[in-house]
Amino acid sequence: MSAGRWWSGMAERVVWTGNLMEGLKRFDMQMHAKLEAIAHYVASDMEAYAKQHAPWKDQTANARNGLKGEPIIVPGKTYGATLAHGVPYGIWLEVRWAGRYAIIEPTIRQESLKIAGLLRRLF
């Protein structure tokens, strides 16, 4: 092999047919739309799971009804979801009595495999 053109005989240029940049932009927009949809789904799903499986016995139903899943979306940058209590004493349900009445962390743990599966199928 000579020190010169080791790729001798190969094409010296690549010619694209179609609009690659337009296709990549469209793919990018579709991906962000799907990630946003997943964030909304996950927030809603976590809220429903937490309300259904909260381990405490309702006295006023305020704690259960106050559980709220919210999507976190910074378009093009961040997609996620939060789950939080809507009552001031929600923190005590999570940490008091060694977490006996906790629902936030158990919900996230339960739902994380489903979320991972959704993202795995997406990518």
Protein backbone atom coordinates (compact mmCIF):
# COMPACT_ATOMS: atom_id res chain seq x y z
CA MET A 1 0.00 0.00 0.00
CA SER A 2 1.37 3.36 -0.93
CA ALA A 3 1.52 6.27 1.47
CA GLY A 4 -0.91 8.23 -0.70
CA ARG A 5 -4.54 7.38 -1.40
CA TRP A 6 -5.19 4.12 0.47
CA TRP A 7 -8.87 4.40 -0.45
CA SER A 8 -8.14 4.28 -4.15
CA GLY A 9 -11.12 3.21 -6.19
CA MET A 10 -13.68 4.38 -3.65
CA ALA A 11 -16.03 7.26 -4.22
CA GLU A 12 -14.47 10.62 -3.46
CA ARG A 13 -17.72 12.21 -2.35
CA VAL A 14 -21.08 11.35 -0.93
CA VAL A 15 -24.21 12.72 -2.51
CA TRP A 16 -27.36 12.80 -0.40
CA THR A 17 -30.68 12.44 -2.09
CA GLY A 18 -33.53 13.88 -0.11
CA ASN A 19 -33.27 16.36 2.70
CA LEU A 20 -31.31 14.85 5.57
CA MET A 21 -31.46 17.96 7.75
CA GLU A 22 -35.23 18.21 7.36
CA GLY A 23 -35.58 14.55 8.26
CA LEU A 24 -33.39 14.97 11.36
CA LYS A 25 -35.38 18.01 12.50
CA ARG A 26 -38.63 16.09 12.02
CA PHE A 27 -37.21 13.13 13.98
CA ASP A 28 -36.08 15.50 16.75
CA MET A 29 -39.54 17.08 16.97
CA GLN A 30 -41.23 13.67 17.05
CA MET A 31 -38.87 12.43 19.77
CA HIS A 32 -39.54 15.48 21.95
CA ALA A 33 -43.29 15.08 21.44
CA LYS A 34 -43.07 11.43 22.52
CA LEU A 35 -40.98 12.29 25.58
CA GLU A 36 -43.51 14.95 26.54
CA ALA A 37 -46.35 12.45 26.17
CA ILE A 38 -44.46 9.97 28.37
CA ALA A 39 -43.95 12.66 31.05
CA HIS A 40 -47.69 13.37 31.12
CA TYR A 41 -48.53 9.65 31.20
CA VAL A 42 -46.05 8.90 33.99
CA ALA A 43 -47.32 11.79 36.14
CA SER A 44 -50.91 10.65 35.74
CA ASP A 45 -50.07 6.99 36.28
CA MET A 46 -48.07 7.68 39.45
CA GLU A 47 -50.89 9.80 40.85
CA ALA A 48 -53.47 7.10 40.18
CA TYR A 49 -51.26 4.36 41.67
CA ALA A 50 -50.50 6.41 44.79
CA LYS A 51 -54.15 7.26 45.40
CA GLN A 52 -55.19 3.65 44.99
CA HIS A 53 -52.41 2.12 47.09
CA ALA A 54 -51.89 4.68 49.87
CA PRO A 55 -51.60 2.51 53.00
CA TRP A 56 -53.39 4.77 55.46
CA LYS A 57 -57.01 4.69 56.49
CA ASP A 58 -58.75 7.87 55.37
CA GLN A 59 -60.23 10.14 57.99
CA THR A 60 -61.01 13.10 55.76
CA ALA A 61 -59.73 11.87 52.34
CA ASN A 62 -57.72 15.10 52.08
CA ALA A 63 -54.34 13.34 52.02
CA ARG A 64 -55.39 10.83 49.37
CA ASN A 65 -57.10 13.46 47.21
CA GLY A 66 -54.10 15.77 47.65
CA LEU A 67 -51.66 13.35 46.02
CA LYS A 68 -50.68 14.96 42.75
CA GLY A 69 -48.55 13.80 39.84
CA GLU A 70 -47.21 16.59 37.63
CA PRO A 71 -45.13 16.43 34.47
CA ILE A 72 -41.91 18.45 34.39
CA ILE A 73 -41.21 19.67 30.90
CA VAL A 74 -38.57 22.07 29.64
CA PRO A 75 -39.07 21.61 25.88
CA GLY A 76 -36.04 20.15 24.21
CA LYS A 77 -34.15 19.74 27.48
CA THR A 78 -35.93 18.05 30.39
CA TYR A 79 -38.80 15.58 30.65
CA GLY A 80 -39.86 14.09 33.95
CA ALA A 81 -42.61 13.79 36.50
CA THR A 82 -43.09 14.50 40.18
CA LEU A 83 -45.40 13.04 42.78
CA ALA A 84 -46.18 15.09 45.87
CA HIS A 85 -48.57 15.50 48.77
CA GLY A 86 -51.03 18.36 48.70
CA VAL A 87 -51.54 18.53 52.47
CA PRO A 88 -49.12 20.05 54.98
CA TYR A 89 -48.93 16.83 57.01
CA GLY A 90 -48.04 14.70 53.97
CA ILE A 91 -44.38 14.68 54.99
CA TRP A 92 -45.34 12.95 58.26
CA LEU A 93 -47.15 10.21 56.37
CA GLU A 94 -43.89 9.60 54.53
CA VAL A 95 -41.39 9.66 57.38
CA ARG A 96 -43.15 9.06 60.68
CA TRP A 97 -43.61 5.56 62.11
CA ALA A 98 -40.62 4.33 60.08
CA GLY A 99 -42.39 5.11 56.82
CA ARG A 100 -45.32 2.81 57.59
CA TYR A 101 -47.71 5.14 55.73
CA ALA A 102 -45.30 6.23 52.98
CA ILE A 103 -46.57 6.20 49.41
CA ILE A 104 -44.28 8.50 47.39
CA GLU A 105 -41.14 6.34 47.36
CA PRO A 106 -43.04 3.04 47.04
CA THR A 107 -44.93 4.45 44.06
CA ILE A 108 -41.76 5.63 42.34
CA ARG A 109 -40.13 2.25 42.99
CA GLN A 110 -43.18 0.41 41.63
CA GLU A 111 -43.57 2.60 38.56
CA SER A 112 -39.87 2.88 37.67
CA LEU A 113 -39.80 -0.45 35.80
CA LYS A 114 -42.79 0.61 33.70
CA ILE A 115 -41.12 3.95 32.95
CA ALA A 116 -37.87 2.21 31.99
CA GLY A 117 -39.80 -0.05 29.63
CA LEU A 118 -41.50 2.93 27.96
CA LEU A 119 -38.17 4.66 27.43
CA ARG A 120 -36.48 1.47 26.24
CA ARG A 121 -39.16 1.02 23.56
CA LEU A 122 -38.85 4.65 22.55
CA PHE A 123 -35.12 4.46 22.04
